[in-house]
Amino acid sequence: MVWGAVAGMAAAQLIGAVWYSRMFLGGPWMRATFPGKSWQQIADMQRDSFHVEFVICILSQVALVMAIHYVIG
């Protein structure tokens, strides 16, 4: 059962990587999401906001663990 979950997660990551790559649909998706921005400008925005996104990600994961712990007991 655990190996099935690991294989499913790996497959989802691989499909997402191909789907949003520049060679497939990454270009149209980036133009629709960030109109008028270049790839370099988007990379700069990501680098500037990484620390805030990281803290929010950690806090949301802690909240999720606490909620699951509360429900399960």
C-alpha atoms as a PDB file:
ATOM      1  CA  MET A   1       0.000   0.000   0.000  1.00  0.00           C
ATOM      2  CA  VAL A   2       2.771   2.426   0.830  1.00  0.00           C
ATOM      3  CA  TRP A   3       4.557   1.690  -2.440  1.00  0.00           C
ATOM      4  CA  GLY A   4       1.362   2.451  -4.344  1.00  0.00           C
ATOM      5  CA  ALA A   5       1.160   5.866  -2.673  1.00  0.00           C
ATOM      6  CA  VAL A   6       4.820   6.543  -3.448  1.00  0.00           C
ATOM      7  CA  ALA A   7       4.349   5.486  -7.080  1.00  0.00           C
ATOM      8  CA  GLY A   8       1.227   7.654  -7.391  1.00  0.00           C
ATOM      9  CA  MET A   9       3.031  10.673  -5.940  1.00  0.00           C
ATOM     10  CA  ALA A  10       6.007  10.156  -8.233  1.00  0.00           C
ATOM     11  CA  ALA A  11       3.720   9.791 -11.257  1.00  0.00           C
ATOM     12  CA  ALA A  12       1.842  12.987 -10.332  1.00  0.00           C
ATOM     13  CA  GLN A  13       5.111  14.897  -9.994  1.00  0.00           C
ATOM     14  CA  LEU A  14       6.383  13.581 -13.318  1.00  0.00           C
ATOM     15  CA  ILE A  15       3.146  14.408 -15.140  1.00  0.00           C
ATOM     16  CA  GLY A  16       3.134  17.913 -13.609  1.00  0.00           C
ATOM     17  CA  ALA A  17       6.757  18.494 -14.581  1.00  0.00           C
ATOM     18  CA  VAL A  18       6.060  17.516 -18.196  1.00  0.00           C
ATOM     19  CA  TRP A  19       2.720  19.359 -18.318  1.00  0.00           C
ATOM     20  CA  TYR A  20       4.133  22.699 -17.133  1.00  0.00           C
ATOM     21  CA  SER A  21       7.478  22.435 -18.927  1.00  0.00           C
ATOM     22  CA  ARG A  22       8.391  25.067 -21.487  1.00  0.00           C
ATOM     23  CA  MET A  23       8.178  22.457 -24.231  1.00  0.00           C
ATOM     24  CA  PHE A  24       4.546  21.521 -23.576  1.00  0.00           C
ATOM     25  CA  LEU A  25       2.069  23.937 -21.953  1.00  0.00           C
ATOM     26  CA  GLY A  26       4.401  25.967 -19.737  1.00  0.00           C
ATOM     27  CA  GLY A  27       4.679  28.853 -22.195  1.00  0.00           C
ATOM     28  CA  PRO A  28       0.947  29.454 -22.700  1.00  0.00           C
ATOM     29  CA  TRP A  29       0.301  28.912 -18.997  1.00  0.00           C
ATOM     30  CA  MET A  30       2.950  31.483 -17.992  1.00  0.00           C
ATOM     31  CA  ARG A  31       1.652  34.023 -20.534  1.00  0.00           C
ATOM     32  CA  ALA A  32      -1.892  33.605 -19.175  1.00  0.00           C
ATOM     33  CA  THR A  33      -0.812  33.711 -15.532  1.00  0.00           C
ATOM     34  CA  PHE A  34       1.749  36.527 -15.786  1.00  0.00           C
ATOM     35  CA  PRO A  35       0.855  38.624 -18.850  1.00  0.00           C
ATOM     36  CA  GLY A  36       3.691  40.817 -20.068  1.00  0.00           C
ATOM     37  CA  LYS A  37       6.350  39.238 -17.817  1.00  0.00           C
ATOM     38  CA  SER A  38       9.475  37.477 -19.018  1.00  0.00           C
ATOM     39  CA  TRP A  39      10.789  34.218 -17.572  1.00  0.00           C
ATOM     40  CA  GLN A  40      13.588  36.169 -15.856  1.00  0.00           C
ATOM     41  CA  GLN A  41      11.158  38.612 -14.216  1.00  0.00           C
ATOM     42  CA  ILE A  42       9.096  35.709 -12.887  1.00  0.00           C
ATOM     43  CA  ALA A  43      12.228  33.994 -11.540  1.00  0.00           C
ATOM     44  CA  ASP A  44      13.192  37.243  -9.776  1.00  0.00           C
ATOM     45  CA  MET A  45       9.721  37.504  -8.210  1.00  0.00           C
ATOM     46  CA  GLN A  46       9.975  33.920  -6.963  1.00  0.00           C
ATOM     47  CA  ARG A  47      13.426  34.504  -5.489  1.00  0.00           C
ATOM     48  CA  ASP A  48      12.263  37.664  -3.698  1.00  0.00           C
ATOM     49  CA  SER A  49       9.195  36.035  -2.135  1.00  0.00           C
ATOM     50  CA  PHE A  50      10.589  32.592  -1.315  1.00  0.00           C
ATOM     51  CA  HIS A  51      11.113  33.199   2.405  1.00  0.00           C
ATOM     52  CA  VAL A  52       7.508  34.335   2.915  1.00  0.00           C
ATOM     53  CA  GLU A  53       6.143  31.393   0.929  1.00  0.00           C
ATOM     54  CA  PHE A  54       8.330  28.976   2.894  1.00  0.00           C
ATOM     55  CA  VAL A  55       7.093  30.247   6.271  1.00  0.00           C
ATOM     56  CA  ILE A  56       3.452  30.105   5.133  1.00  0.00           C
ATOM     57  CA  CYS A  57       3.977  26.555   3.856  1.00  0.00           C
ATOM     58  CA  ILE A  58       5.454  25.424   7.178  1.00  0.00           C
ATOM     59  CA  LEU A  59       2.645  27.092   9.156  1.00  0.00           C
ATOM     60  CA  SER A  60      -0.036  25.509   6.981  1.00  0.00           C
ATOM     61  CA  GLN A  61       1.564  22.080   7.394  1.00  0.00           C
ATOM     62  CA  VAL A  62       1.655  22.511  11.186  1.00  0.00           C
ATOM     63  CA  ALA A  63      -2.002  23.547  11.162  1.00  0.00           C
ATOM     64  CA  LEU A  64      -2.886  20.500   9.058  1.00  0.00           C
ATOM     65  CA  VAL A  65      -1.043  18.153  11.423  1.00  0.00           C
ATOM     66  CA  MET A  66      -2.766  19.718  14.429  1.00  0.00           C
ATOM     67  CA  ALA A  67      -6.196  19.392  12.775  1.00  0.00           C
ATOM     68  CA  ILE A  68      -5.599  15.752  11.866  1.00  0.00           C
ATOM     69  CA  HIS A  69      -4.326  15.057  15.383  1.00  0.00           C
ATOM     70  CA  TYR A  70      -7.440  16.683  16.833  1.00  0.00           C
ATOM     71  CA  VAL A  71      -9.785  14.645  14.614  1.00  0.00           C
ATOM     72  CA  ILE A  72      -8.010  11.321  15.125  1.00  0.00           C
ATOM     73  CA  GLY A  73      -7.376  11.974  18.805  1.00  0.00           C
END
